[in-house]
């Protein structure tokens, strides 16, 4: 699941229709087009309604729902860049599930690995995003950000305690952080 959007977007949001229009624009961005193409090459089809705008009761930007697709929480997002970021992040989760037939979201290590990859490869932890969130370090900001966001997501998994989430993240960190598929290198 995508971490909470900024305080600004939490207070405003947009309508489901406005968000759906932003999703349609995001589908034309190079990164989203690339990820969709890679999923198709891997044998996974994305239906017309795979990515949809919804009103969410929880404070999240969006999420990937196994067997259903990607949701973008319209009431917590109000900028095109935020929609693009959620779509990219969640497409990486969808790609992970596509390429790993045995991915088990109740397994803390599996969940942590996909979150590590999504956080690292989607640009979620770009220094400009971190600065806007109020987190900034000169060195090591990206890995700190990915770790923080992985813990937030995995501890929200009912199957994972905070200790289990941390242990899982540490156990899979090197392998998953360095796994850049479908990219040649981290974008």
N, C-alpha and C. Protein backbone atom coordinates (compact mmCIF):
# COMPACT_ATOMS: atom_id res chain seq x y z
N UNK A 1 0.83 -1.18 0.00
CA UNK A 1 0.00 0.00 0.00
C UNK A 1 0.88 1.24 0.00
N UNK A 2 0.41 2.23 -0.67
CA UNK A 2 1.12 3.50 -0.76
C UNK A 2 0.96 4.27 0.54
N UNK A 3 2.06 4.82 1.05
CA UNK A 3 2.06 5.59 2.28
C UNK A 3 1.15 6.80 2.18
N UNK A 4 0.75 7.30 3.33
CA UNK A 4 -0.12 8.46 3.37
C UNK A 4 0.41 9.58 2.49
N UNK A 5 -0.47 10.26 1.78
CA UNK A 5 -0.05 11.43 1.04
C UNK A 5 0.28 12.55 2.01
N UNK A 6 0.76 13.65 1.49
CA UNK A 6 1.11 14.79 2.33
C UNK A 6 -0.12 15.34 3.04
N UNK A 7 0.12 16.10 4.10
CA UNK A 7 -0.98 16.69 4.87
C UNK A 7 -1.86 17.56 3.97
N UNK A 8 -1.23 18.23 3.02
CA UNK A 8 -1.98 19.10 2.12
C UNK A 8 -3.03 18.31 1.34
N UNK A 9 -2.63 17.18 0.76
CA UNK A 9 -3.58 16.42 -0.04
C UNK A 9 -4.60 15.69 0.81
N UNK A 10 -4.24 15.32 2.04
CA UNK A 10 -5.18 14.66 2.93
C UNK A 10 -6.36 15.57 3.21
N UNK A 11 -6.08 16.85 3.33
CA UNK A 11 -7.15 17.77 3.71
C UNK A 11 -8.03 18.14 2.52
N UNK A 12 -7.57 17.90 1.32
CA UNK A 12 -8.33 18.35 0.15
C UNK A 12 -8.89 17.20 -0.66
N UNK A 13 -8.04 16.44 -1.30
CA UNK A 13 -8.51 15.34 -2.13
C UNK A 13 -9.21 15.83 -3.39
N UNK A 14 -9.75 14.90 -4.13
CA UNK A 14 -10.48 15.23 -5.35
C UNK A 14 -11.64 14.24 -5.48
N UNK A 15 -12.48 14.46 -6.46
CA UNK A 15 -13.60 13.55 -6.68
C UNK A 15 -13.10 12.28 -7.36
N UNK A 16 -13.91 11.25 -7.31
CA UNK A 16 -13.56 9.99 -7.98
C UNK A 16 -13.40 10.24 -9.48
N UNK A 17 -14.28 11.05 -10.08
CA UNK A 17 -14.17 11.33 -11.53
C UNK A 17 -12.91 12.09 -11.86
N UNK A 18 -12.55 13.09 -11.04
CA UNK A 18 -11.30 13.83 -11.28
C UNK A 18 -10.10 12.91 -11.17
N UNK A 19 -10.13 12.04 -10.18
CA UNK A 19 -9.03 11.09 -9.99
C UNK A 19 -8.96 10.11 -11.16
N UNK A 20 -10.11 9.65 -11.63
CA UNK A 20 -10.13 8.72 -12.76
C UNK A 20 -9.52 9.39 -14.00
N UNK A 21 -9.78 10.68 -14.19
CA UNK A 21 -9.16 11.42 -15.30
C UNK A 21 -7.64 11.46 -15.13
N UNK A 22 -7.18 11.67 -13.90
CA UNK A 22 -5.73 11.70 -13.65
C UNK A 22 -5.12 10.32 -13.87
N UNK A 23 -5.84 9.27 -13.53
CA UNK A 23 -5.36 7.91 -13.80
C UNK A 23 -5.18 7.73 -15.30
N UNK A 24 -6.16 8.18 -16.08
CA UNK A 24 -6.05 8.06 -17.55
C UNK A 24 -4.82 8.80 -18.07
N UNK A 25 -4.52 9.96 -17.50
CA UNK A 25 -3.30 10.68 -17.91
C UNK A 25 -2.05 9.92 -17.48
N UNK A 26 -2.09 9.30 -16.31
CA UNK A 26 -0.91 8.56 -15.84
C UNK A 26 -0.62 7.36 -16.74
N UNK A 27 -1.65 6.79 -17.34
CA UNK A 27 -1.46 5.64 -18.22
C UNK A 27 -0.64 5.99 -19.47
N UNK A 28 -0.51 7.28 -19.74
CA UNK A 28 0.25 7.74 -20.91
C UNK A 28 1.69 8.13 -20.56
N UNK A 29 2.07 8.03 -19.27
CA UNK A 29 3.43 8.39 -18.88
C UNK A 29 4.38 7.25 -19.25
N UNK A 30 5.63 7.57 -19.58
CA UNK A 30 6.58 6.53 -20.01
C UNK A 30 6.76 5.40 -19.00
N UNK A 31 6.87 5.71 -17.72
CA UNK A 31 7.11 4.67 -16.71
C UNK A 31 5.91 3.73 -16.60
N UNK A 32 4.71 4.26 -16.60
CA UNK A 32 3.52 3.41 -16.49
C UNK A 32 3.39 2.57 -17.75
N UNK A 33 3.61 3.17 -18.91
CA UNK A 33 3.54 2.41 -20.17
C UNK A 33 4.55 1.26 -20.16
N UNK A 34 5.76 1.54 -19.67
CA UNK A 34 6.81 0.52 -19.61
C UNK A 34 6.39 -0.62 -18.68
N UNK A 35 5.89 -0.30 -17.49
CA UNK A 35 5.49 -1.34 -16.55
C UNK A 35 4.34 -2.18 -17.09
N UNK A 36 3.37 -1.54 -17.72
CA UNK A 36 2.26 -2.29 -18.31
C UNK A 36 2.76 -3.23 -19.41
N UNK A 37 3.69 -2.75 -20.22
CA UNK A 37 4.27 -3.56 -21.30
C UNK A 37 5.03 -4.76 -20.72
N UNK A 38 5.78 -4.55 -19.65
CA UNK A 38 6.53 -5.63 -19.02
C UNK A 38 5.60 -6.67 -18.40
N UNK A 39 4.49 -6.22 -17.85
CA UNK A 39 3.52 -7.17 -17.30
C UNK A 39 2.91 -8.02 -18.42
N UNK A 40 2.62 -7.37 -19.52
CA UNK A 40 2.06 -8.09 -20.66
C UNK A 40 3.07 -9.13 -21.17
N UNK A 41 4.35 -8.75 -21.26
CA UNK A 41 5.40 -9.69 -21.69
C UNK A 41 5.54 -10.86 -20.72
N UNK A 42 5.26 -10.60 -19.43
CA UNK A 42 5.35 -11.65 -18.42
C UNK A 42 4.10 -12.52 -18.39
N UNK A 43 3.14 -12.20 -19.24
CA UNK A 43 1.93 -13.02 -19.34
C UNK A 43 0.78 -12.58 -18.47
N UNK A 44 0.85 -11.38 -17.93
CA UNK A 44 -0.22 -10.87 -17.07
C UNK A 44 -0.99 -9.78 -17.79
N UNK A 45 -2.28 -9.94 -17.83
CA UNK A 45 -3.12 -8.96 -18.52
C UNK A 45 -3.69 -7.97 -17.52
N UNK A 46 -3.76 -6.74 -17.96
CA UNK A 46 -4.38 -5.69 -17.17
C UNK A 46 -5.67 -5.29 -17.89
N UNK A 47 -6.78 -5.59 -17.29
CA UNK A 47 -8.05 -5.22 -17.88
C UNK A 47 -8.26 -3.72 -17.89
N UNK A 48 -9.30 -3.28 -18.58
CA UNK A 48 -9.59 -1.85 -18.69
C UNK A 48 -9.85 -1.21 -17.33
N UNK A 49 -10.36 -1.97 -16.39
CA UNK A 49 -10.71 -1.43 -15.08
C UNK A 49 -9.72 -1.88 -14.00
N UNK A 50 -8.48 -2.22 -14.40
CA UNK A 50 -7.47 -2.71 -13.46
C UNK A 50 -7.05 -1.63 -12.47
N UNK A 51 -7.03 -0.38 -12.93
CA UNK A 51 -6.65 0.75 -12.07
C UNK A 51 -7.87 1.65 -11.97
N UNK A 52 -8.36 1.84 -10.75
CA UNK A 52 -9.58 2.64 -10.61
C UNK A 52 -9.50 3.58 -9.41
N UNK A 53 -10.19 4.68 -9.53
CA UNK A 53 -10.30 5.65 -8.45
C UNK A 53 -11.44 5.24 -7.53
N UNK A 54 -11.20 5.35 -6.24
CA UNK A 54 -12.22 5.03 -5.24
C UNK A 54 -12.12 6.02 -4.09
N UNK A 55 -13.16 6.07 -3.29
CA UNK A 55 -13.16 6.83 -2.04
C UNK A 55 -12.69 5.87 -0.95
N UNK A 56 -11.65 6.23 -0.20
CA UNK A 56 -11.09 5.34 0.82
C UNK A 56 -11.38 5.86 2.22
N UNK A 57 -11.67 4.93 3.12
CA UNK A 57 -11.92 5.28 4.51
C UNK A 57 -10.63 5.42 5.30
N UNK A 58 -9.56 4.77 4.86
CA UNK A 58 -8.28 4.85 5.57
C UNK A 58 -7.39 5.89 4.92
N UNK A 59 -6.41 6.37 5.68
CA UNK A 59 -5.51 7.42 5.20
C UNK A 59 -4.37 6.83 4.38
N UNK A 60 -4.68 6.37 3.17
CA UNK A 60 -3.67 5.85 2.26
C UNK A 60 -3.88 6.47 0.89
N UNK A 61 -2.83 6.46 0.08
CA UNK A 61 -2.93 7.00 -1.27
C UNK A 61 -3.52 6.00 -2.26
N UNK A 62 -3.36 4.72 -1.94
CA UNK A 62 -3.88 3.69 -2.82
C UNK A 62 -3.35 2.34 -2.40
N UNK A 63 -3.66 1.33 -3.21
CA UNK A 63 -3.19 0.00 -2.88
C UNK A 63 -3.39 -0.97 -4.03
N UNK A 64 -2.72 -2.10 -3.91
CA UNK A 64 -2.88 -3.20 -4.86
C UNK A 64 -3.70 -4.28 -4.16
N UNK A 65 -4.78 -4.68 -4.78
CA UNK A 65 -5.65 -5.71 -4.23
C UNK A 65 -5.54 -6.95 -5.10
N UNK A 66 -4.97 -8.00 -4.55
CA UNK A 66 -4.76 -9.24 -5.29
C UNK A 66 -6.05 -9.69 -5.97
N UNK A 67 -5.97 -9.96 -7.25
CA UNK A 67 -7.11 -10.44 -8.01
C UNK A 67 -8.08 -9.36 -8.43
N UNK A 68 -7.90 -8.15 -7.92
CA UNK A 68 -8.82 -7.07 -8.26
C UNK A 68 -8.15 -5.93 -9.01
N UNK A 69 -6.91 -5.62 -8.66
CA UNK A 69 -6.21 -4.54 -9.34
C UNK A 69 -5.74 -3.46 -8.38
N UNK A 70 -5.62 -2.27 -8.93
CA UNK A 70 -5.07 -1.14 -8.19
C UNK A 70 -6.18 -0.13 -7.90
N UNK A 71 -6.19 0.37 -6.67
CA UNK A 71 -7.11 1.44 -6.33
C UNK A 71 -6.28 2.69 -6.00
N UNK A 72 -6.79 3.82 -6.41
CA UNK A 72 -6.20 5.12 -6.08
C UNK A 72 -7.25 5.85 -5.27
N UNK A 73 -6.87 6.30 -4.09
CA UNK A 73 -7.81 6.93 -3.15
C UNK A 73 -8.00 8.40 -3.49
N UNK A 74 -9.08 8.68 -4.19
CA UNK A 74 -9.33 10.04 -4.70
C UNK A 74 -9.41 11.07 -3.58
N UNK A 75 -9.97 10.70 -2.45
CA UNK A 75 -10.17 11.66 -1.37
C UNK A 75 -8.89 11.98 -0.60
N UNK A 76 -7.77 11.34 -0.96
CA UNK A 76 -6.50 11.63 -0.30
C UNK A 76 -5.44 12.14 -1.28
N UNK A 77 -5.85 12.38 -2.51
CA UNK A 77 -4.91 12.80 -3.56
C UNK A 77 -5.54 13.93 -4.35
N UNK A 78 -4.73 14.94 -4.69
CA UNK A 78 -5.31 16.00 -5.51
C UNK A 78 -4.36 16.50 -6.60
N UNK A 79 -3.24 15.83 -6.79
CA UNK A 79 -2.28 16.26 -7.82
C UNK A 79 -1.94 15.11 -8.76
N UNK A 80 -1.71 15.43 -10.01
CA UNK A 80 -1.36 14.43 -11.01
C UNK A 80 -0.11 13.65 -10.60
N UNK A 81 0.89 14.32 -10.08
CA UNK A 81 2.13 13.66 -9.69
C UNK A 81 1.87 12.59 -8.62
N UNK A 82 0.97 12.88 -7.69
CA UNK A 82 0.65 11.90 -6.65
C UNK A 82 -0.04 10.67 -7.25
N UNK A 83 -0.94 10.88 -8.19
CA UNK A 83 -1.62 9.76 -8.85
C UNK A 83 -0.59 8.93 -9.61
N UNK A 84 0.29 9.59 -10.36
CA UNK A 84 1.33 8.87 -11.10
C UNK A 84 2.16 8.01 -10.15
N UNK A 85 2.54 8.59 -9.00
CA UNK A 85 3.38 7.88 -8.05
C UNK A 85 2.67 6.65 -7.48
N UNK A 86 1.42 6.80 -7.13
CA UNK A 86 0.65 5.66 -6.60
C UNK A 86 0.54 4.58 -7.66
N UNK A 87 0.21 4.96 -8.88
CA UNK A 87 0.04 3.97 -9.96
C UNK A 87 1.36 3.22 -10.20
N UNK A 88 2.46 3.92 -10.26
CA UNK A 88 3.76 3.27 -10.48
C UNK A 88 4.09 2.32 -9.33
N UNK A 89 3.96 2.80 -8.10
CA UNK A 89 4.24 1.98 -6.92
C UNK A 89 3.41 0.69 -6.94
N UNK A 90 2.13 0.84 -7.17
CA UNK A 90 1.23 -0.32 -7.13
C UNK A 90 1.44 -1.24 -8.33
N UNK A 91 1.82 -0.69 -9.49
CA UNK A 91 2.14 -1.55 -10.64
C UNK A 91 3.36 -2.43 -10.35
N UNK A 92 4.29 -1.94 -9.56
CA UNK A 92 5.44 -2.77 -9.20
C UNK A 92 4.97 -3.94 -8.33
N UNK A 93 4.03 -3.70 -7.41
CA UNK A 93 3.45 -4.82 -6.65
C UNK A 93 2.76 -5.81 -7.59
N UNK A 94 1.99 -5.28 -8.53
CA UNK A 94 1.28 -6.15 -9.48
C UNK A 94 2.29 -6.96 -10.32
N UNK A 95 3.37 -6.32 -10.73
CA UNK A 95 4.42 -7.01 -11.49
C UNK A 95 5.04 -8.12 -10.63
N UNK A 96 5.31 -7.82 -9.37
CA UNK A 96 5.90 -8.83 -8.49
C UNK A 96 4.99 -10.05 -8.38
N UNK A 97 3.70 -9.80 -8.22
CA UNK A 97 2.76 -10.92 -8.12
C UNK A 97 2.69 -11.67 -9.44
N UNK A 98 2.78 -10.96 -10.54
CA UNK A 98 2.73 -11.58 -11.87
C UNK A 98 3.92 -12.52 -12.08
N UNK A 99 5.10 -12.08 -11.70
CA UNK A 99 6.30 -12.88 -11.98
C UNK A 99 6.56 -13.96 -10.94
N UNK A 100 5.97 -13.83 -9.76
CA UNK A 100 6.17 -14.82 -8.69
C UNK A 100 4.83 -15.47 -8.38
N UNK A 101 4.57 -16.58 -9.00
CA UNK A 101 3.28 -17.24 -8.85
C UNK A 101 2.97 -17.63 -7.41
N UNK A 102 4.00 -17.76 -6.58
CA UNK A 102 3.77 -18.18 -5.20
C UNK A 102 3.87 -17.02 -4.20
N UNK A 103 3.77 -15.79 -4.65
CA UNK A 103 3.84 -14.65 -3.74
C UNK A 103 2.67 -14.72 -2.76
N UNK A 104 2.99 -14.66 -1.48
CA UNK A 104 1.99 -14.78 -0.42
C UNK A 104 2.02 -13.49 0.40
N UNK A 105 1.00 -12.67 0.26
CA UNK A 105 0.97 -11.37 0.93
C UNK A 105 0.84 -11.51 2.44
N UNK A 106 0.48 -12.70 2.95
CA UNK A 106 0.44 -12.89 4.40
C UNK A 106 1.82 -13.27 4.95
N UNK A 107 2.75 -13.58 4.06
CA UNK A 107 4.12 -13.88 4.45
C UNK A 107 4.86 -12.54 4.58
N UNK A 108 5.32 -12.22 5.77
CA UNK A 108 5.94 -10.91 6.02
C UNK A 108 7.15 -10.66 5.12
N UNK A 109 7.94 -11.69 4.84
CA UNK A 109 9.11 -11.52 3.98
C UNK A 109 8.71 -11.23 2.54
N UNK A 110 7.70 -11.90 2.04
CA UNK A 110 7.22 -11.64 0.68
C UNK A 110 6.70 -10.21 0.58
N UNK A 111 5.88 -9.82 1.54
CA UNK A 111 5.31 -8.47 1.54
C UNK A 111 6.43 -7.43 1.64
N UNK A 112 7.38 -7.64 2.56
CA UNK A 112 8.49 -6.70 2.72
C UNK A 112 9.30 -6.57 1.44
N UNK A 113 9.55 -7.68 0.78
CA UNK A 113 10.34 -7.64 -0.46
C UNK A 113 9.65 -6.79 -1.52
N UNK A 114 8.37 -7.00 -1.71
CA UNK A 114 7.65 -6.22 -2.72
C UNK A 114 7.61 -4.74 -2.34
N UNK A 115 7.48 -4.44 -1.05
CA UNK A 115 7.49 -3.04 -0.61
C UNK A 115 8.87 -2.41 -0.79
N UNK A 116 9.93 -3.17 -0.53
CA UNK A 116 11.29 -2.66 -0.75
C UNK A 116 11.45 -2.31 -2.22
N UNK A 117 11.06 -3.23 -3.08
CA UNK A 117 11.19 -3.00 -4.53
C UNK A 117 10.36 -1.81 -4.98
N UNK A 118 9.11 -1.74 -4.52
CA UNK A 118 8.22 -0.65 -4.95
C UNK A 118 8.74 0.69 -4.45
N UNK A 119 9.22 0.73 -3.22
CA UNK A 119 9.76 1.98 -2.68
C UNK A 119 11.01 2.43 -3.40
N UNK A 120 11.87 1.48 -3.73
CA UNK A 120 13.14 1.78 -4.39
C UNK A 120 12.97 2.12 -5.87
N UNK A 121 12.13 1.37 -6.56
CA UNK A 121 12.05 1.51 -8.02
C UNK A 121 11.04 2.55 -8.50
N UNK A 122 10.10 2.93 -7.66
CA UNK A 122 9.03 3.83 -8.10
C UNK A 122 9.38 5.31 -8.01
N UNK A 123 10.44 5.64 -7.29
CA UNK A 123 10.76 7.05 -7.08
C UNK A 123 10.08 7.63 -5.85
N UNK A 124 9.40 6.77 -5.07
CA UNK A 124 8.73 7.23 -3.85
C UNK A 124 9.69 7.97 -2.93
N UNK A 125 10.94 7.55 -2.93
CA UNK A 125 11.90 8.09 -1.96
C UNK A 125 12.90 9.06 -2.58
N UNK A 126 12.54 9.64 -3.71
CA UNK A 126 13.38 10.67 -4.31
C UNK A 126 13.56 11.79 -3.29
N UNK A 127 14.74 12.40 -3.29
CA UNK A 127 15.03 13.38 -2.25
C UNK A 127 14.03 14.54 -2.24
N UNK A 128 13.49 14.93 -3.38
CA UNK A 128 12.51 16.03 -3.40
C UNK A 128 11.22 15.62 -2.69
N UNK A 129 10.79 14.38 -2.89
CA UNK A 129 9.59 13.89 -2.19
C UNK A 129 9.84 13.84 -0.69
N UNK A 130 11.01 13.38 -0.32
CA UNK A 130 11.35 13.31 1.10
C UNK A 130 11.40 14.70 1.73
N UNK A 131 11.95 15.64 1.02
CA UNK A 131 12.01 17.02 1.52
C UNK A 131 10.60 17.56 1.76
N UNK A 132 9.69 17.30 0.82
CA UNK A 132 8.30 17.75 0.97
C UNK A 132 7.60 17.05 2.14
N UNK A 133 8.02 15.85 2.46
CA UNK A 133 7.44 15.12 3.60
C UNK A 133 8.05 15.57 4.93
N UNK A 134 9.12 16.36 4.84
CA UNK A 134 9.78 16.82 6.05
C UNK A 134 10.90 15.90 6.53
N UNK A 135 11.32 14.98 5.67
CA UNK A 135 12.43 14.08 6.00
C UNK A 135 13.58 14.39 5.07
N UNK A 136 14.75 14.68 5.63
CA UNK A 136 15.87 14.93 4.74
C UNK A 136 17.18 14.65 5.44
N UNK A 137 18.02 13.90 4.77
CA UNK A 137 19.38 13.66 5.20
C UNK A 137 20.26 13.88 3.97
N UNK A 138 21.48 14.25 4.20
CA UNK A 138 22.40 14.44 3.08
C UNK A 138 22.76 13.09 2.47
N UNK A 139 23.07 12.12 3.30
CA UNK A 139 23.45 10.79 2.82
C UNK A 139 22.48 9.74 3.36
N UNK A 140 22.17 8.78 2.53
CA UNK A 140 21.38 7.65 2.98
C UNK A 140 19.89 7.89 3.08
N UNK A 141 19.42 9.00 2.51
CA UNK A 141 17.99 9.31 2.66
C UNK A 141 17.11 8.26 1.98
N UNK A 142 17.55 7.76 0.81
CA UNK A 142 16.67 6.84 0.08
C UNK A 142 16.46 5.54 0.86
N UNK A 143 17.53 4.93 1.35
CA UNK A 143 17.36 3.68 2.08
C UNK A 143 16.58 3.89 3.37
N UNK A 144 16.81 5.01 4.07
CA UNK A 144 16.02 5.31 5.28
C UNK A 144 14.54 5.44 4.94
N UNK A 145 14.26 6.13 3.84
CA UNK A 145 12.87 6.32 3.40
C UNK A 145 12.23 4.98 3.06
N UNK A 146 12.92 4.16 2.28
CA UNK A 146 12.37 2.86 1.90
C UNK A 146 12.11 2.03 3.16
N UNK A 147 13.04 2.01 4.08
CA UNK A 147 12.86 1.25 5.32
C UNK A 147 11.64 1.75 6.11
N UNK A 148 11.51 3.05 6.23
CA UNK A 148 10.39 3.64 6.96
C UNK A 148 9.06 3.26 6.33
N UNK A 149 9.00 3.35 5.01
CA UNK A 149 7.76 3.07 4.29
C UNK A 149 7.44 1.56 4.29
N UNK A 150 8.47 0.73 4.21
CA UNK A 150 8.26 -0.73 4.28
C UNK A 150 7.65 -1.07 5.64
N UNK A 151 8.22 -0.53 6.70
CA UNK A 151 7.72 -0.82 8.04
C UNK A 151 6.27 -0.37 8.19
N UNK A 152 5.94 0.79 7.67
CA UNK A 152 4.57 1.31 7.77
C UNK A 152 3.59 0.35 7.07
N UNK A 153 3.96 -0.10 5.89
CA UNK A 153 3.07 -0.97 5.12
C UNK A 153 2.99 -2.38 5.71
N UNK A 154 4.13 -2.97 6.03
CA UNK A 154 4.14 -4.36 6.47
C UNK A 154 3.52 -4.49 7.87
N UNK A 155 3.72 -3.51 8.74
CA UNK A 155 3.08 -3.59 10.06
C UNK A 155 1.57 -3.39 9.97
N UNK A 156 1.09 -2.84 8.87
CA UNK A 156 -0.36 -2.73 8.66
C UNK A 156 -0.95 -4.06 8.22
N UNK A 157 -0.11 -5.00 7.82
CA UNK A 157 -0.54 -6.34 7.43
C UNK A 157 -0.93 -7.10 8.71
N UNK A 158 -2.16 -7.57 8.82
CA UNK A 158 -2.58 -8.27 10.04
C UNK A 158 -1.74 -9.50 10.37
N UNK A 159 -1.03 -10.02 9.39
CA UNK A 159 -0.19 -11.21 9.62
C UNK A 159 1.19 -10.87 10.17
N UNK A 160 1.52 -9.58 10.27
CA UNK A 160 2.89 -9.19 10.62
C UNK A 160 2.93 -8.24 11.81
N UNK A 161 3.56 -8.67 12.88
CA UNK A 161 3.81 -7.78 14.01
C UNK A 161 4.95 -6.84 13.63
N UNK A 162 5.20 -5.84 14.46
CA UNK A 162 6.30 -4.92 14.18
C UNK A 162 7.63 -5.67 14.18
N UNK A 163 7.82 -6.58 15.12
CA UNK A 163 9.06 -7.36 15.17
C UNK A 163 9.19 -8.26 13.94
N UNK A 164 8.10 -8.93 13.56
CA UNK A 164 8.13 -9.80 12.38
C UNK A 164 8.41 -9.00 11.12
N UNK A 165 7.81 -7.80 11.03
CA UNK A 165 8.02 -6.94 9.86
C UNK A 165 9.49 -6.50 9.77
N UNK A 166 10.05 -6.08 10.90
CA UNK A 166 11.44 -5.63 10.91
C UNK A 166 12.39 -6.79 10.57
N UNK A 167 12.15 -7.94 11.18
CA UNK A 167 13.00 -9.11 10.90
C UNK A 167 12.91 -9.52 9.43
N UNK A 168 11.70 -9.51 8.88
CA UNK A 168 11.50 -9.87 7.48
C UNK A 168 12.21 -8.88 6.56
N UNK A 169 12.05 -7.58 6.85
CA UNK A 169 12.68 -6.56 6.03
C UNK A 169 14.20 -6.73 6.03
N UNK A 170 14.78 -6.93 7.20
CA UNK A 170 16.23 -7.08 7.29
C UNK A 170 16.69 -8.35 6.57
N UNK A 171 15.92 -9.43 6.68
CA UNK A 171 16.31 -10.70 6.07
C UNK A 171 16.34 -10.62 4.54
N UNK A 172 15.44 -9.85 3.95
CA UNK A 172 15.35 -9.82 2.48
C UNK A 172 15.93 -8.55 1.87
N UNK A 173 16.40 -7.63 2.69
CA UNK A 173 16.80 -6.30 2.22
C UNK A 173 17.76 -6.35 1.03
N UNK A 174 18.91 -6.97 1.17
CA UNK A 174 19.93 -6.92 0.12
C UNK A 174 19.42 -7.50 -1.19
N UNK A 175 18.78 -8.65 -1.14
CA UNK A 175 18.29 -9.29 -2.36
C UNK A 175 17.23 -8.42 -3.03
N UNK A 176 16.29 -7.93 -2.25
CA UNK A 176 15.14 -7.22 -2.82
C UNK A 176 15.51 -5.80 -3.25
N UNK A 177 16.37 -5.12 -2.49
CA UNK A 177 16.78 -3.76 -2.85
C UNK A 177 17.57 -3.78 -4.16
N UNK A 178 18.33 -4.86 -4.37
CA UNK A 178 19.15 -4.97 -5.59
C UNK A 178 18.42 -5.62 -6.76
N UNK A 179 17.21 -6.09 -6.55
CA UNK A 179 16.41 -6.68 -7.62
C UNK A 179 15.68 -5.54 -8.34
N UNK A 180 16.14 -5.20 -9.52
CA UNK A 180 15.57 -4.05 -10.24
C UNK A 180 14.65 -4.45 -11.39
N UNK A 181 14.34 -5.72 -11.52
CA UNK A 181 13.46 -6.15 -12.61
C UNK A 181 12.12 -5.45 -12.51
N UNK A 182 11.50 -5.01 -13.56
CA UNK A 182 11.83 -5.24 -14.97
C UNK A 182 12.82 -4.21 -15.55
N UNK A 183 13.37 -3.36 -14.69
CA UNK A 183 14.33 -2.36 -15.15
C UNK A 183 15.73 -2.95 -15.20
N UNK A 184 16.60 -2.39 -16.05
CA UNK A 184 17.99 -2.81 -16.07
C UNK A 184 18.69 -2.35 -14.81
N UNK A 185 18.30 -1.19 -14.33
CA UNK A 185 18.84 -0.61 -13.09
C UNK A 185 17.74 0.24 -12.47
N UNK A 186 17.94 0.63 -11.22
CA UNK A 186 16.91 1.45 -10.56
C UNK A 186 16.74 2.76 -11.32
N UNK A 187 15.50 3.12 -11.65
CA UNK A 187 15.28 4.37 -12.40
C UNK A 187 15.66 5.60 -11.60
